[in-house]
Protein backbone atom coordinates (compact mmCIF):
# COMPACT_ATOMS: atom_id res chain seq x y z
CA MET A 1 5.28 8.80 -26.47
CA GLY A 2 7.70 11.32 -27.31
CA GLU A 3 7.01 11.27 -30.82
CA ALA A 4 3.35 11.47 -30.23
CA VAL A 5 3.60 14.38 -27.99
CA THR A 6 6.11 16.03 -30.62
CA GLU A 7 3.54 15.53 -33.41
CA VAL A 8 0.63 16.90 -31.40
CA LEU A 9 2.52 19.94 -30.60
CA ARG A 10 3.92 20.58 -34.18
CA ASP A 11 0.31 20.26 -35.63
CA LEU A 12 -1.09 22.64 -32.98
CA ALA A 13 1.64 25.21 -33.73
CA VAL A 14 0.94 24.89 -37.36
CA GLU A 15 -2.75 25.68 -36.85
CA LYS A 16 -2.52 28.39 -34.50
CA LEU A 17 0.04 30.13 -36.69
CA ASP A 18 -1.69 29.60 -39.82
CA VAL A 19 -4.94 31.09 -38.33
CA LEU A 20 -3.13 34.08 -37.43
CA GLY A 21 -1.71 34.52 -40.88
CA GLN A 22 1.93 33.92 -39.85
CA ALA A 23 2.69 30.97 -41.71
CA VAL A 24 5.07 32.53 -44.40
CA ARG A 25 6.94 29.46 -45.67
CA THR A 26 5.85 25.86 -46.62
CA GLY A 27 6.41 23.19 -44.32
CA PRO A 28 5.95 23.47 -40.36
CA PRO A 29 6.61 27.08 -39.04
CA VAL A 30 7.98 25.39 -35.95
CA THR A 31 10.69 22.94 -35.66
CA ILE A 32 10.79 20.91 -32.46
CA VAL A 33 14.03 18.83 -31.45
CA ARG A 34 14.12 16.41 -28.84
CA GLU A 35 17.15 16.11 -26.87
CA PRO A 36 17.06 12.93 -24.43
CA MET A 37 18.68 13.83 -21.18
CA PHE A 38 19.54 10.62 -19.84
CA ASN A 39 19.32 8.37 -22.97
CA PRO A 40 21.34 10.64 -25.56
CA THR A 41 21.67 7.80 -27.97
CA ALA A 42 17.58 6.75 -27.76
CA GLY A 43 18.68 3.21 -28.08
CA TYR A 44 17.64 -0.04 -26.29
CA LYS A 45 20.80 0.03 -24.26
CA GLY A 46 19.95 3.49 -22.55
CA TYR A 47 16.27 2.98 -22.44
CA VAL A 48 15.38 -0.52 -21.03
CA PHE A 49 18.75 -2.33 -20.15
CA PRO A 50 19.43 -0.70 -16.93
CA ALA A 51 15.91 -1.86 -15.68
CA VAL A 52 16.25 -5.30 -17.15
CA THR A 53 19.36 -5.52 -15.35
CA ILE A 54 18.00 -5.43 -12.04
CA VAL A 55 15.52 -8.27 -12.84
CA ILE A 56 18.26 -10.24 -14.32
CA ILE A 57 20.07 -9.83 -10.95
CA GLN A 58 16.92 -10.85 -9.00
CA GLN A 59 16.24 -13.66 -10.97
CA THR A 60 19.49 -15.22 -11.39
CA LEU A 61 20.08 -15.04 -7.45
CA LEU A 62 16.44 -16.32 -6.89
CA PHE A 63 16.67 -19.37 -8.86
CA GLY A 64 20.09 -20.34 -7.62
CA VAL A 65 18.97 -19.90 -3.77
CA ALA A 66 15.58 -21.62 -4.21
CA THR A 67 17.28 -24.41 -6.33
CA PHE A 68 19.76 -24.68 -3.15
CA VAL A 69 17.15 -25.14 -0.49
CA GLY A 70 14.96 -27.31 -2.98
CA GLY A 71 17.97 -29.56 -3.21
CA ARG A 72 18.43 -29.65 0.66
CA ARG A 73 14.72 -30.53 1.37
CA ARG A 74 14.96 -33.14 -1.13
CA ASP A 75 17.76 -34.51 0.97
CA GLY A 76 16.08 -33.87 4.13
CA ARG A 77 18.38 -31.19 5.08
CA TRP A 78 16.68 -28.17 4.67
CA ARG A 79 16.01 -27.16 8.31
CA MET A 80 18.70 -24.86 9.51
CA GLY A 81 19.39 -23.46 13.06
CA HIS A 82 19.36 -19.90 13.44
CA GLY A 83 23.27 -19.52 12.98
CA GLU A 84 23.29 -21.55 9.82
CA TYR A 85 20.59 -19.95 8.28
CA LEU A 86 22.17 -16.41 9.02
CA GLY A 87 25.31 -17.58 7.35
CA THR A 88 23.40 -18.94 4.39
CA TRP A 89 21.74 -15.75 4.01
CA ALA A 90 24.70 -13.47 4.19
CA ALA A 91 26.41 -15.85 1.72
CA PHE A 92 23.90 -15.46 -0.94
CA THR A 93 23.31 -11.82 -0.07
CA SER A 94 27.25 -11.43 -0.69
CA VAL A 95 26.99 -13.12 -4.00
CA GLY A 96 24.15 -10.91 -5.17
CA LEU A 97 26.34 -7.77 -4.01
CA LEU A 98 29.19 -8.88 -6.06
CA THR A 99 26.90 -9.36 -9.02
CA CYS A 100 25.49 -5.92 -8.55
CA LEU A 101 28.86 -4.27 -8.36
CA PHE A 102 30.34 -6.21 -11.38
CA LEU A 103 27.28 -5.03 -13.43
CA PHE A 104 27.07 -1.66 -12.22
CA GLY A 105 30.75 -0.87 -11.99
CA PHE A 106 32.16 -2.83 -14.83
CA ILE A 107 29.83 -4.00 -17.43
CA PHE A 108 27.99 -0.74 -17.76
CA TRP A 109 31.37 0.99 -18.52
CA VAL A 110 32.59 -1.70 -20.96
CA GLN A 111 29.31 -1.84 -22.74
CA GLY A 112 28.91 1.83 -22.98
CA ILE A 113 25.68 2.09 -21.31
CA SER A 114 24.94 5.62 -20.29
CA HIS A 115 25.55 6.04 -16.72
CA ASP A 116 26.09 8.83 -14.14
CA GLU A 117 26.53 6.91 -10.96
CA ASN A 118 25.98 7.97 -7.38
CA VAL A 119 28.46 5.36 -6.11
CA ALA A 120 27.81 6.12 -2.42
CA GLY A 121 24.17 5.47 -2.85
CA MET A 122 24.46 2.41 -4.94
CA LEU A 123 26.96 0.78 -2.45
CA LEU A 124 24.39 1.51 0.21
CA ALA A 125 21.48 0.17 -1.46
CA ALA A 126 22.89 -3.14 -3.16
CA PRO A 127 23.18 -5.10 -0.09
CA LEU A 128 19.50 -4.49 0.87
CA LEU A 129 18.73 -5.61 -2.80
CA ALA A 130 20.84 -8.64 -2.58
CA ALA A 131 19.53 -9.49 1.04
CA SER A 132 15.60 -9.02 -0.12
CA VAL A 133 15.91 -11.25 -3.14
CA ALA A 134 18.26 -14.03 -0.97
CA GLY A 135 15.60 -14.11 1.71
CA LEU A 136 12.69 -14.36 -0.82
CA GLY A 137 14.73 -17.14 -2.46
CA LEU A 138 15.27 -19.06 1.13
CA TRP A 139 11.75 -18.84 1.74
CA LEU A 140 10.23 -19.78 -1.33
CA GLY A 141 12.70 -22.56 -1.79
CA SER A 142 11.57 -24.18 1.39
CA TYR A 143 8.31 -25.02 -0.55
CA PHE A 144 9.72 -27.01 -3.30
CA ASP A 145 10.35 -30.76 -2.86
CA ARG A 146 13.30 -30.91 -5.00
CA SER A 147 15.79 -28.54 -6.72
CA GLU A 148 14.34 -28.87 -10.08
CA ARG A 149 10.93 -27.69 -9.10
CA ALA A 150 12.39 -24.21 -8.43
CA MET A 151 13.19 -23.54 -12.04
CA MET A 152 10.08 -25.15 -13.42
CA ILE A 153 7.85 -22.77 -11.04
CA LEU A 154 10.10 -19.53 -11.19
CA ALA A 155 11.08 -19.28 -14.59
CA PRO A 156 8.07 -17.94 -16.12
CA THR A 157 8.02 -15.07 -13.61
CA SER A 158 10.69 -13.15 -15.32
CA ALA A 159 8.65 -11.39 -17.77
CA PRO A 160 5.71 -10.60 -15.32
CA PHE A 161 8.22 -9.03 -12.78
CA PHE A 162 9.65 -6.82 -15.52
CA PHE A 163 6.22 -5.56 -16.62
CA LEU A 164 5.40 -4.88 -12.88
CA SER A 165 8.65 -2.88 -12.47
CA GLY A 166 7.02 0.21 -14.05
CA THR A 167 9.53 0.46 -16.71
CA ALA A 168 7.16 -0.53 -19.58
CA TRP A 169 4.00 1.09 -17.96
CA PRO A 170 4.17 3.54 -15.26
CA LEU A 171 3.02 1.91 -11.64
CA ASP A 172 0.70 4.70 -10.72
CA GLN A 173 -1.43 3.78 -13.88
CA MET A 174 -1.92 0.16 -12.60
CA PRO A 175 -4.77 -1.08 -10.51
CA GLY A 176 -4.24 -0.70 -6.78
CA PHE A 177 -4.01 -4.21 -6.06
CA VAL A 178 -1.34 -4.83 -9.11
CA ARG A 179 0.67 -1.96 -7.20
CA ALA A 180 0.46 -3.77 -4.02
CA VAL A 181 1.62 -6.97 -5.33
CA ALA A 182 4.53 -5.20 -7.47
CA GLN A 183 5.73 -3.75 -4.16
CA LEU A 184 6.33 -7.36 -2.76
CA ILE A 185 8.79 -8.03 -5.48
CA PRO A 186 12.42 -6.63 -4.70
CA SER A 187 13.15 -5.85 -8.60
CA THR A 188 9.96 -3.22 -8.66
CA SER A 189 11.63 -1.16 -5.84
CA GLY A 190 15.21 -2.13 -7.40
CA VAL A 191 14.49 -0.69 -10.67
CA GLN A 192 13.10 2.59 -8.95
CA VAL A 193 16.23 2.88 -7.07
CA PHE A 194 18.99 1.84 -9.39
CA VAL A 195 17.76 3.27 -12.45
CA PRO A 196 18.01 7.18 -11.18
CA LEU A 197 21.08 6.06 -8.97
CA ASN A 198 23.35 4.56 -11.89
CA GLN A 199 21.90 6.72 -14.93
CA MET A 200 20.64 10.07 -13.42
CA HIS A 201 23.08 10.61 -10.34
CA ALA A 202 20.02 10.84 -8.16
CA SER A 203 20.53 11.36 -4.37
CA LEU A 204 19.19 8.76 -1.80
CA ALA A 205 16.69 11.27 -0.63
CA ASP A 206 15.31 11.05 -4.10
CA VAL A 207 15.02 7.25 -4.18
CA ALA A 208 14.29 7.04 -0.29
CA PRO A 209 10.83 5.19 -0.63
CA GLY A 210 12.37 2.55 -2.58
CA VAL A 211 15.35 2.09 -0.52
CA LEU A 212 12.97 1.92 2.58
CA THR A 213 10.74 -0.69 0.74
CA LEU A 214 13.75 -2.74 -0.03
CA LEU A 215 14.89 -2.67 3.77
CA GLY A 216 11.46 -3.75 4.58
CA LEU A 217 11.45 -6.56 2.14
CA ALA A 218 14.82 -7.87 3.31
CA LEU A 219 13.49 -7.96 6.83
CA LEU A 220 10.21 -9.54 5.75
CA TYR A 221 11.68 -12.41 3.76
CA GLY A 222 14.66 -12.62 5.83
CA GLY A 223 12.29 -13.28 8.90
């Protein structure tokens, strides 16, 4: 997209200046220099990896939780009391939260991924992402008759979930029903929240719609 816009602007400048008789040298009379603000290396790590990380966190936790519940259902132990359920949900949420902290706080730094974190915002939003994914995994897992079924059915969802995150194609350019489905996937709001928080030092006000969506999904799937 950036290359296309650059070429159009340069050709337009050449055309207008030539008509005005101001082209006094060979080559383009105007040089356009692009300076990426949030991806200075213009590489894969800075462009797509921060978004892919959210999908990785979601899918890893989702597979694990659904496999756990599927195994319990196979053994006839999948029904839980309220206390046991809340404890299980909290335990998996803690695993997801620790994964977020490890990736955002350590791996990004070690791998040299461009970052400018809003740490307070990240610490507030990470539990919501983990809780929504853990709740989704517990709910979906209750429909699988054995643990292996979770991986068989959920593994192919990783690529569609990434494309529905709005990274490869803007969400507002998708059909309305597709956007509605995308909002039911925690990683969609996760990408819209954590990429600005981790890479652009966005404020919570900037990502408030995504944070509220994660809160709603955590309550929905947890309930």
